[in-house]
Amino acid sequence: KPSEFTSASTLEFAKLVELAGFPKGVVNVVTGYGHEMGEALVAH
């Protein structure tokens, strides 16, 4: 979960993870406001 102000590099980085051959689902990226979905992530 990158900051909502600076998510681009993390999302582009995910392409490198995929190209390296990591199985799908091993690395995931969610973006947005922490106050809207942060608790759902922490408490899941």
All heavy atoms as atom14 arrays in JSON, in Angstrom:
{
  "sequence": "KPSEFTSASTLEFAKLVELAGFPKGVVNVVTGYGHEMGEALVAH",
  "atom14_mask": [
    [1, 1, 1, 1, 1, 1, 1, 1, 1, 0, 0, 0, 0, 0],
    [1, 1, 1, 1, 1, 1, 1, 0, 0, 0, 0, 0, 0, 0],
    [1, 1, 1, 1, 1, 1, 0, 0, 0, 0, 0, 0, 0, 0],
    [1, 1, 1, 1, 1, 1, 1, 1, 1, 0, 0, 0, 0, 0],
    [1, 1, 1, 1, 1, 1, 1, 1, 1, 1, 1, 0, 0, 0],
    [1, 1, 1, 1, 1, 1, 1, 0, 0, 0, 0, 0, 0, 0],
    [1, 1, 1, 1, 1, 1, 0, 0, 0, 0, 0, 0, 0, 0],
    [1, 1, 1, 1, 1, 0, 0, 0, 0, 0, 0, 0, 0, 0],
    [1, 1, 1, 1, 1, 1, 0, 0, 0, 0, 0, 0, 0, 0],
    [1, 1, 1, 1, 1, 1, 1, 0, 0, 0, 0, 0, 0, 0],
    [1, 1, 1, 1, 1, 1, 1, 1, 0, 0, 0, 0, 0, 0],
    [1, 1, 1, 1, 1, 1, 1, 1, 1, 0, 0, 0, 0, 0],
    [1, 1, 1, 1, 1, 1, 1, 1, 1, 1, 1, 0, 0, 0],
    [1, 1, 1, 1, 1, 0, 0, 0, 0, 0, 0, 0, 0, 0],
    [1, 1, 1, 1, 1, 1, 1, 1, 1, 0, 0, 0, 0, 0],
    [1, 1, 1, 1, 1, 1, 1, 1, 0, 0, 0, 0, 0, 0],
    [1, 1, 1, 1, 1, 1, 1, 0, 0, 0, 0, 0, 0, 0],
    [1, 1, 1, 1, 1, 1, 1, 1, 1, 0, 0, 0, 0, 0],
    [1, 1, 1, 1, 1, 1, 1, 1, 0, 0, 0, 0, 0, 0],
    [1, 1, 1, 1, 1, 0, 0, 0, 0, 0, 0, 0, 0, 0],
    [1, 1, 1, 1, 0, 0, 0, 0, 0, 0, 0, 0, 0, 0],
    [1, 1, 1, 1, 1, 1, 1, 1, 1, 1, 1, 0, 0, 0],
    [1, 1, 1, 1, 1, 1, 1, 0, 0, 0, 0, 0, 0, 0],
    [1, 1, 1, 1, 1, 1, 1, 1, 1, 0, 0, 0, 0, 0],
    [1, 1, 1, 1, 0, 0, 0, 0, 0, 0, 0, 0, 0, 0],
    [1, 1, 1, 1, 1, 1, 1, 0, 0, 0, 0, 0, 0, 0],
    [1, 1, 1, 1, 1, 1, 1, 0, 0, 0, 0, 0, 0, 0],
    [1, 1, 1, 1, 1, 1, 1, 1, 0, 0, 0, 0, 0, 0],
    [1, 1, 1, 1, 1, 1, 1, 0, 0, 0, 0, 0, 0, 0],
    [1, 1, 1, 1, 1, 1, 1, 0, 0, 0, 0, 0, 0, 0],
    [1, 1, 1, 1, 1, 1, 1, 0, 0, 0, 0, 0, 0, 0],
    [1, 1, 1, 1, 0, 0, 0, 0, 0, 0, 0, 0, 0, 0],
    [1, 1, 1, 1, 1, 1, 1, 1, 1, 1, 1, 1, 0, 0],
    [1, 1, 1, 1, 0, 0, 0, 0, 0, 0, 0, 0, 0, 0],
    [1, 1, 1, 1, 1, 1, 1, 1, 1, 1, 0, 0, 0, 0],
    [1, 1, 1, 1, 1, 1, 1, 1, 1, 0, 0, 0, 0, 0],
    [1, 1, 1, 1, 1, 1, 1, 1, 0, 0, 0, 0, 0, 0],
    [1, 1, 1, 1, 0, 0, 0, 0, 0, 0, 0, 0, 0, 0],
    [1, 1, 1, 1, 1, 1, 1, 1, 1, 0, 0, 0, 0, 0],
    [1, 1, 1, 1, 1, 0, 0, 0, 0, 0, 0, 0, 0, 0],
    [1, 1, 1, 1, 1, 1, 1, 1, 0, 0, 0, 0, 0, 0],
    [1, 1, 1, 1, 1, 1, 1, 0, 0, 0, 0, 0, 0, 0],
    [1, 1, 1, 1, 1, 0, 0, 0, 0, 0, 0, 0, 0, 0],
    [1, 1, 1, 1, 1, 1, 1, 1, 1, 1, 0, 0, 0, 0]
  ],
  "atom14_positions": [
    [[0.86, -1.18, 0.0], [0.0, 0.0, 0.0], [0.9, 1.24, 0.0], [1.37, 1.69, 1.04], [-0.92, -0.01, 1.23], [-1.59, 1.32, 1.57], [-2.45, 1.9, 0.46], [-3.14, 3.2, 0.88], [-2.24, 4.37, 0.89], [0.0, 0.0, 0.0], [0.0, 0.0, 0.0], [0.0, 0.0, 0.0], [0.0, 0.0, 0.0], [0.0, 0.0, 0.0]],
    [[1.16, 1.8, -1.19], [1.95, 3.04, -1.23], [1.09, 4.24, -0.86], [-0.14, 4.16, -0.8], [2.39, 3.11, -2.7], [1.29, 2.4, -3.44], [0.8, 1.32, -2.52], [0.0, 0.0, 0.0], [0.0, 0.0, 0.0], [0.0, 0.0, 0.0], [0.0, 0.0, 0.0], [0.0, 0.0, 0.0], [0.0, 0.0, 0.0], [0.0, 0.0, 0.0]],
    [[1.74, 5.37, -0.61], [1.01, 6.61, -0.34], [0.17, 6.99, -1.54], [0.57, 6.77, -2.69], [2.0, 7.73, -0.02], [1.37, 8.99, -0.07], [0.0, 0.0, 0.0], [0.0, 0.0, 0.0], [0.0, 0.0, 0.0], [0.0, 0.0, 0.0], [0.0, 0.0, 0.0], [0.0, 0.0, 0.0], [0.0, 0.0, 0.0], [0.0, 0.0, 0.0]],
    [[-0.98, 7.59, -1.28], [-1.82, 8.06, -2.38], [-1.14, 9.17, -3.17], [-1.52, 9.46, -4.31], [-3.17, 8.55, -1.85], [-3.11, 9.77, -0.94], [-2.94, 9.42, 0.52], [-2.51, 8.28, 0.82], [-3.25, 10.28, 1.36], [0.0, 0.0, 0.0], [0.0, 0.0, 0.0], [0.0, 0.0, 0.0], [0.0, 0.0, 0.0], [0.0, 0.0, 0.0]],
    [[-0.11, 9.79, -2.59], [0.61, 10.86, -3.3], [1.66, 10.3, -4.26], [2.02, 10.97, -5.22], [1.29, 11.8, -2.3], [0.35, 12.6, -1.47], [0.15, 12.31, -0.13], [-0.36, 13.66, -2.01], [-0.71, 13.05, 0.66], [-1.23, 14.42, -1.24], [-1.41, 14.11, 0.1], [0.0, 0.0, 0.0], [0.0, 0.0, 0.0], [0.0, 0.0, 0.0]],
    [[2.18, 9.12, -3.97], [3.32, 8.59, -4.74], [3.16, 7.09, -4.99], [3.92, 6.28, -4.47], [4.63, 8.84, -4.0], [4.52, 8.31, -2.66], [4.95, 10.33, -3.91], [0.0, 0.0, 0.0], [0.0, 0.0, 0.0], [0.0, 0.0, 0.0], [0.0, 0.0, 0.0], [0.0, 0.0, 0.0], [0.0, 0.0, 0.0], [0.0, 0.0, 0.0]],
    [[2.19, 6.73, -5.8], [1.92, 5.31, -6.06], [2.52, 4.81, -7.37], [2.62, 3.6, -7.59], [0.41, 5.07, -6.09], [-0.18, 5.33, -4.84], [0.0, 0.0, 0.0], [0.0, 0.0, 0.0], [0.0, 0.0, 0.0], [0.0, 0.0, 0.0], [0.0, 0.0, 0.0], [0.0, 0.0, 0.0], [0.0, 0.0, 0.0], [0.0, 0.0, 0.0]],
    [[2.9, 5.73, -8.27], [3.28, 5.33, -9.63], [4.47, 4.37, -9.65], [4.43, 3.34, -10.33], [3.59, 6.57, -10.46], [0.0, 0.0, 0.0], [0.0, 0.0, 0.0], [0.0, 0.0, 0.0], [0.0, 0.0, 0.0], [0.0, 0.0, 0.0], [0.0, 0.0, 0.0], [0.0, 0.0, 0.0], [0.0, 0.0, 0.0], [0.0, 0.0, 0.0]],
    [[5.52, 4.69, -8.92], [6.72, 3.85, -9.01], [6.46, 2.45, -8.47], [7.0, 1.47, -9.0], [7.88, 4.51, -8.27], [7.57, 4.73, -6.91], [0.0, 0.0, 0.0], [0.0, 0.0, 0.0], [0.0, 0.0, 0.0], [0.0, 0.0, 0.0], [0.0, 0.0, 0.0], [0.0, 0.0, 0.0], [0.0, 0.0, 0.0], [0.0, 0.0, 0.0]],
    [[5.63, 2.32, -7.44], [5.32, 0.99, -6.9], [4.53, 0.17, -7.91], [4.78, -1.03, -8.07], [4.53, 1.13, -5.59], [5.28, 1.93, -4.67], [4.27, -0.23, -4.96], [0.0, 0.0, 0.0], [0.0, 0.0, 0.0], [0.0, 0.0, 0.0], [0.0, 0.0, 0.0], [0.0, 0.0, 0.0], [0.0, 0.0, 0.0], [0.0, 0.0, 0.0]],
    [[3.59, 0.8, -8.58], [2.8, 0.09, -9.58], [3.64, -0.32, -10.78], [3.49, -1.43, -11.32], [1.62, 0.96, -10.02], [0.53, 1.13, -8.96], [-0.34, 2.35, -9.27], [-0.32, -0.13, -8.85], [0.0, 0.0, 0.0], [0.0, 0.0, 0.0], [0.0, 0.0, 0.0], [0.0, 0.0, 0.0], [0.0, 0.0, 0.0], [0.0, 0.0, 0.0]],
    [[4.54, 0.55, -11.2], [5.44, 0.18, -12.29], [6.41, -0.91, -11.84], [6.77, -1.8, -12.63], [6.21, 1.41, -12.79], [5.34, 2.5, -13.4], [4.82, 2.16, -14.79], [4.96, 0.99, -15.24], [4.26, 3.06, -15.45], [0.0, 0.0, 0.0], [0.0, 0.0, 0.0], [0.0, 0.0, 0.0], [0.0, 0.0, 0.0], [0.0, 0.0, 0.0]],
    [[6.82, -0.86, -10.59], [7.71, -1.88, -10.04], [7.07, -3.27, -10.12], [7.77, -4.27, -10.29], [8.05, -1.53, -8.59], [9.06, -2.44, -7.94], [10.4, -2.13, -7.97], [8.66, -3.6, -7.27], [11.34, -2.96, -7.37], [9.58, -4.43, -6.68], [10.93, -4.1, -6.72], [0.0, 0.0, 0.0], [0.0, 0.0, 0.0], [0.0, 0.0, 0.0]],
    [[5.75, -3.32, -9.98], [5.05, -4.61, -10.05], [5.31, -5.31, -11.39], [5.3, -6.55, -11.46], [3.55, -4.4, -9.84], [0.0, 0.0, 0.0], [0.0, 0.0, 0.0], [0.0, 0.0, 0.0], [0.0, 0.0, 0.0], [0.0, 0.0, 0.0], [0.0, 0.0, 0.0], [0.0, 0.0, 0.0], [0.0, 0.0, 0.0], [0.0, 0.0, 0.0]],
    [[5.55, -4.53, -12.43], [5.86, -5.14, -13.74], [7.19, -5.89, -13.69], [7.36, -6.92, -14.34], [5.91, -4.05, -14.81], [4.59, -3.32, -15.02], [4.74, -2.19, -16.03], [3.45, -1.41, -16.19], [3.59, -0.27, -17.14], [0.0, 0.0, 0.0], [0.0, 0.0, 0.0], [0.0, 0.0, 0.0], [0.0, 0.0, 0.0], [0.0, 0.0, 0.0]],
    [[8.14, -5.37, -12.91], [9.42, -6.05, -12.76], [9.26, -7.35, -11.98], [9.91, -8.35, -12.28], [10.42, -5.13, -12.05], [10.74, -3.8, -12.72], [11.78, -3.04, -11.91], [11.21, -3.99, -14.16], [0.0, 0.0, 0.0], [0.0, 0.0, 0.0], [0.0, 0.0, 0.0], [0.0, 0.0, 0.0], [0.0, 0.0, 0.0], [0.0, 0.0, 0.0]],
    [[8.39, -7.32, -10.96], [8.12, -8.53, -10.18], [7.56, -9.62, -11.09], [7.98, -10.79, -11.03], [7.13, -8.22, -9.04], [6.69, -9.49, -8.33], [7.74, -7.24, -8.05], [0.0, 0.0, 0.0], [0.0, 0.0, 0.0], [0.0, 0.0, 0.0], [0.0, 0.0, 0.0], [0.0, 0.0, 0.0], [0.0, 0.0, 0.0], [0.0, 0.0, 0.0]],
    [[6.63, -9.24, -11.93], [6.02, -10.2, -12.85], [7.05, -10.72, -13.85], [7.11, -11.93, -14.14], [4.87, -9.51, -13.58], [4.02, -10.44, -14.43], [2.78, -9.75, -14.96], [2.08, -9.08, -14.17], [2.5, -9.88, -16.17], [0.0, 0.0, 0.0], [0.0, 0.0, 0.0], [0.0, 0.0, 0.0], [0.0, 0.0, 0.0], [0.0, 0.0, 0.0]],
    [[7.86, -9.82, -14.39], [8.86, -10.21, -15.38], [9.92, -11.12, -14.77], [10.49, -11.99, -15.47], [9.52, -8.95, -15.96], [10.37, -9.11, -17.21], [9.54, -9.67, -18.36], [10.97, -7.77, -17.62], [0.0, 0.0, 0.0], [0.0, 0.0, 0.0], [0.0, 0.0, 0.0], [0.0, 0.0, 0.0], [0.0, 0.0, 0.0], [0.0, 0.0, 0.0]],
    [[10.19, -10.96, -13.48], [11.18, -11.81, -12.81], [10.7, -13.24, -12.66], [11.51, -14.14, -12.43], [11.51, -11.23, -11.44], [0.0, 0.0, 0.0], [0.0, 0.0, 0.0], [0.0, 0.0, 0.0], [0.0, 0.0, 0.0], [0.0, 0.0, 0.0], [0.0, 0.0, 0.0], [0.0, 0.0, 0.0], [0.0, 0.0, 0.0], [0.0, 0.0, 0.0]],
    [[9.38, -13.47, -12.77], [8.84, -14.82, -12.7], [8.17, -15.19, -11.38], [7.89, -16.37, -11.15], [0.0, 0.0, 0.0], [0.0, 0.0, 0.0], [0.0, 0.0, 0.0], [0.0, 0.0, 0.0], [0.0, 0.0, 0.0], [0.0, 0.0, 0.0], [0.0, 0.0, 0.0], [0.0, 0.0, 0.0], [0.0, 0.0, 0.0], [0.0, 0.0, 0.0]],
    [[7.89, -14.22, -10.53], [7.16, -14.53, -9.3], [5.75, -15.0, -9.65], [5.09, -14.42, -10.52], [7.08, -13.31, -8.4], [8.36, -13.0, -7.67], [9.37, -12.29, -8.3], [8.56, -13.44, -6.37], [10.56, -12.0, -7.64], [9.75, -13.17, -5.71], [10.75, -12.46, -6.34], [0.0, 0.0, 0.0], [0.0, 0.0, 0.0], [0.0, 0.0, 0.0]],
    [[5.24, -16.03, -9.0], [3.88, -16.5, -9.27], [2.86, -15.4, -9.0], [3.07, -14.53, -8.14], [3.7, -17.67, -8.3], [5.09, -18.13, -8.0], [5.94, -16.9, -8.01], [0.0, 0.0, 0.0], [0.0, 0.0, 0.0], [0.0, 0.0, 0.0], [0.0, 0.0, 0.0], [0.0, 0.0, 0.0], [0.0, 0.0, 0.0], [0.0, 0.0, 0.0]],
    [[1.76, -15.45, -9.69], [0.72, -14.44, -9.51], [0.19, -14.48, -8.08], [0.07, -15.55, -7.47], [-0.41, -14.62, -10.51], [-1.26, -15.87, -10.3], [-2.4, -15.92, -11.31], [-3.31, -17.11, -11.04], [-4.46, -17.15, -11.98], [0.0, 0.0, 0.0], [0.0, 0.0, 0.0], [0.0, 0.0, 0.0], [0.0, 0.0, 0.0], [0.0, 0.0, 0.0]],
    [[-0.11, -13.31, -7.57], [-0.66, -13.21, -6.22], [0.39, -13.08, -5.12], [0.05, -12.73, -3.98], [0.0, 0.0, 0.0], [0.0, 0.0, 0.0], [0.0, 0.0, 0.0], [0.0, 0.0, 0.0], [0.0, 0.0, 0.0], [0.0, 0.0, 0.0], [0.0, 0.0, 0.0], [0.0, 0.0, 0.0], [0.0, 0.0, 0.0], [0.0, 0.0, 0.0]],
    [[1.65, -13.35, -5.44], [2.69, -13.23, -4.42], [2.89, -11.78, -4.02], [3.09, -11.46, -2.85], [4.0, -13.87, -4.92], [5.16, -13.56, -3.98], [3.84, -15.37, -5.07], [0.0, 0.0, 0.0], [0.0, 0.0, 0.0], [0.0, 0.0, 0.0], [0.0, 0.0, 0.0], [0.0, 0.0, 0.0], [0.0, 0.0, 0.0], [0.0, 0.0, 0.0]],
    [[2.83, -10.88, -4.99], [2.94, -9.44, -4.73], [1.72, -8.74, -5.32], [1.39, -8.94, -6.5], [4.22, -8.85, -5.33], [4.27, -7.33, -5.12], [5.45, -9.51, -4.71], [0.0, 0.0, 0.0], [0.0, 0.0, 0.0], [0.0, 0.0, 0.0], [0.0, 0.0, 0.0], [0.0, 0.0, 0.0], [0.0, 0.0, 0.0], [0.0, 0.0, 0.0]],
    [[1.04, -7.95, -4.51], [-0.15, -7.21, -4.93], [0.0, -5.75, -4.5], [0.68, -5.46, -3.51], [-1.41, -7.81, -4.3], [-1.53, -9.3, -4.55], [-2.12, -9.74, -5.53], [-0.97, -10.11, -3.65], [0.0, 0.0, 0.0], [0.0, 0.0, 0.0], [0.0, 0.0, 0.0], [0.0, 0.0, 0.0], [0.0, 0.0, 0.0], [0.0, 0.0, 0.0]],
    [[-0.65, -4.84, -5.23], [-0.57, -3.42, -4.91], [-1.97, -2.82, -4.88], [-2.71, -2.91, -5.87], [0.28, -2.64, -5.93], [0.44, -1.18, -5.49], [1.64, -3.29, -6.13], [0.0, 0.0, 0.0], [0.0, 0.0, 0.0], [0.0, 0.0, 0.0], [0.0, 0.0, 0.0], [0.0, 0.0, 0.0], [0.0, 0.0, 0.0], [0.0, 0.0, 0.0]],
    [[-2.33, -2.24, -3.75], [-3.59, -1.49, -3.64], [-3.27, -0.03, -3.37], [-2.35, 0.29, -2.6], [-4.51, -2.06, -2.54], [-5.02, -3.43, -2.93], [-3.8, -2.11, -1.2], [0.0, 0.0, 0.0], [0.0, 0.0, 0.0], [0.0, 0.0, 0.0], [0.0, 0.0, 0.0], [0.0, 0.0, 0.0], [0.0, 0.0, 0.0], [0.0, 0.0, 0.0]],
    [[-3.99, 0.84, -4.02], [-3.74, 2.28, -3.88], [-5.02, 2.98, -3.44], [-6.12, 2.52, -3.7], [-3.26, 2.89, -5.2], [-4.26, 2.67, -6.23], [-1.96, 2.26, -5.65], [0.0, 0.0, 0.0], [0.0, 0.0, 0.0], [0.0, 0.0, 0.0], [0.0, 0.0, 0.0], [0.0, 0.0, 0.0], [0.0, 0.0, 0.0], [0.0, 0.0, 0.0]],
    [[-4.83, 4.11, -2.76], [-5.99, 4.86, -2.31], [-5.71, 5.55, -1.0], [-4.56, 5.64, -0.54], [0.0, 0.0, 0.0], [0.0, 0.0, 0.0], [0.0, 0.0, 0.0], [0.0, 0.0, 0.0], [0.0, 0.0, 0.0], [0.0, 0.0, 0.0], [0.0, 0.0, 0.0], [0.0, 0.0, 0.0], [0.0, 0.0, 0.0], [0.0, 0.0, 0.0]],
    [[-6.76, 6.06, -0.39], [-6.65, 6.79, 0.86], [-6.61, 5.85, 2.06], [-7.45, 4.96, 2.18], [-7.83, 7.76, 1.02], [-7.84, 8.87, 0.0], [-8.91, 8.99, -0.9], [-6.81, 9.81, -0.07], [-8.95, 10.01, -1.84], [-6.84, 10.84, -1.0], [-7.9, 10.94, -1.88], [-7.94, 11.95, -2.8], [0.0, 0.0, 0.0], [0.0, 0.0, 0.0]],
    [[-5.65, 6.07, 2.94], [-5.53, 5.22, 4.11], [-6.76, 5.25, 5.0], [-7.15, 4.23, 5.56], [0.0, 0.0, 0.0], [0.0, 0.0, 0.0], [0.0, 0.0, 0.0], [0.0, 0.0, 0.0], [0.0, 0.0, 0.0], [0.0, 0.0, 0.0], [0.0, 0.0, 0.0], [0.0, 0.0, 0.0], [0.0, 0.0, 0.0], [0.0, 0.0, 0.0]],
    [[-7.39, 6.42, 5.11], [-8.55, 6.52, 6.0], [-9.77, 5.82, 5.44], [-10.74, 5.58, 6.15], [-8.89, 7.99, 6.28], [-9.38, 8.76, 5.09], [-8.53, 9.44, 4.23], [-10.62, 8.95, 4.6], [-9.23, 10.03, 3.28], [-10.51, 9.74, 3.48], [0.0, 0.0, 0.0], [0.0, 0.0, 0.0], [0.0, 0.0, 0.0], [0.0, 0.0, 0.0]],
    [[-9.73, 5.48, 4.13], [-10.87, 4.79, 3.53], [-10.72, 3.29, 3.56], [-11.73, 2.57, 3.66], [-11.05, 5.26, 2.07], [-11.56, 6.69, 1.95], [-11.85, 7.08, 0.51], [-11.43, 6.36, -0.43], [-12.51, 8.12, 0.31], [0.0, 0.0, 0.0], [0.0, 0.0, 0.0], [0.0, 0.0, 0.0], [0.0, 0.0, 0.0], [0.0, 0.0, 0.0]],
    [[-9.49, 2.79, 3.44], [-9.35, 1.33, 3.38], [-8.18, 0.79, 4.21], [-7.9, -0.4, 4.19], [-9.22, 0.86, 1.93], [-8.21, 1.58, 1.07], [-6.52, 1.02, 1.32], [-5.78, 1.45, -0.22], [0.0, 0.0, 0.0], [0.0, 0.0, 0.0], [0.0, 0.0, 0.0], [0.0, 0.0, 0.0], [0.0, 0.0, 0.0], [0.0, 0.0, 0.0]],
    [[-7.51, 1.67, 4.95], [-6.38, 1.22, 5.74], [-6.75, 0.24, 6.83], [-6.06, -0.77, 7.04], [0.0, 0.0, 0.0], [0.0, 0.0, 0.0], [0.0, 0.0, 0.0], [0.0, 0.0, 0.0], [0.0, 0.0, 0.0], [0.0, 0.0, 0.0], [0.0, 0.0, 0.0], [0.0, 0.0, 0.0], [0.0, 0.0, 0.0], [0.0, 0.0, 0.0]],
    [[-7.86, 0.5, 7.52], [-8.26, -0.4, 8.6], [-8.64, -1.77, 8.05], [-8.35, -2.8, 8.69], [-9.43, 0.19, 9.38], [-9.83, -0.67, 10.58], [-10.86, -0.02, 11.47], [-11.26, 1.13, 11.19], [-11.27, -0.65, 12.46], [0.0, 0.0, 0.0], [0.0, 0.0, 0.0], [0.0, 0.0, 0.0], [0.0, 0.0, 0.0], [0.0, 0.0, 0.0]],
    [[-9.24, -1.8, 6.87], [-9.59, -3.09, 6.27], [-8.34, -3.92, 5.98], [-8.36, -5.14, 6.11], [-10.38, -2.86, 4.98], [0.0, 0.0, 0.0], [0.0, 0.0, 0.0], [0.0, 0.0, 0.0], [0.0, 0.0, 0.0], [0.0, 0.0, 0.0], [0.0, 0.0, 0.0], [0.0, 0.0, 0.0], [0.0, 0.0, 0.0], [0.0, 0.0, 0.0]],
    [[-7.26, -3.25, 5.6], [-6.01, -3.95, 5.33], [-5.37, -4.44, 6.62], [-4.97, -5.61, 6.73], [-5.06, -3.03, 4.57], [-3.69, -3.6, 4.19], [-3.83, -4.85, 3.34], [-2.86, -2.55, 3.47], [0.0, 0.0, 0.0], [0.0, 0.0, 0.0], [0.0, 0.0, 0.0], [0.0, 0.0, 0.0], [0.0, 0.0, 0.0], [0.0, 0.0, 0.0]],
    [[-5.28, -3.58, 7.61], [-4.63, -3.94, 8.87], [-5.42, -5.02, 9.61], [-4.84, -5.95, 10.18], [-4.48, -2.69, 9.76], [-4.0, -3.06, 11.16], [-3.51, -1.7, 9.12], [0.0, 0.0, 0.0], [0.0, 0.0, 0.0], [0.0, 0.0, 0.0], [0.0, 0.0, 0.0], [0.0, 0.0, 0.0], [0.0, 0.0, 0.0], [0.0, 0.0, 0.0]],
    [[-6.74, -4.9, 9.59], [-7.58, -5.79, 10.38], [-7.98, -7.07, 9.64], [-8.62, -7.95, 10.23], [-8.85, -5.05, 10.82], [0.0, 0.0, 0.0], [0.0, 0.0, 0.0], [0.0, 0.0, 0.0], [0.0, 0.0, 0.0], [0.0, 0.0, 0.0], [0.0, 0.0, 0.0], [0.0, 0.0, 0.0], [0.0, 0.0, 0.0], [0.0, 0.0, 0.0]],
    [[-7.63, -7.19, 8.37], [-8.06, -8.37, 7.6], [-7.58, -9.65, 8.29], [-6.4, -9.76, 8.65], [-7.52, -8.3, 6.18], [-8.22, -9.22, 5.23], [-8.08, -10.6, 5.28], [-9.08, -8.97, 4.21], [-8.83, -11.15, 4.33], [-9.45, -10.18, 3.66], [0.0, 0.0, 0.0], [0.0, 0.0, 0.0], [0.0, 0.0, 0.0], [0.0, 0.0, 0.0]]
  ]
}
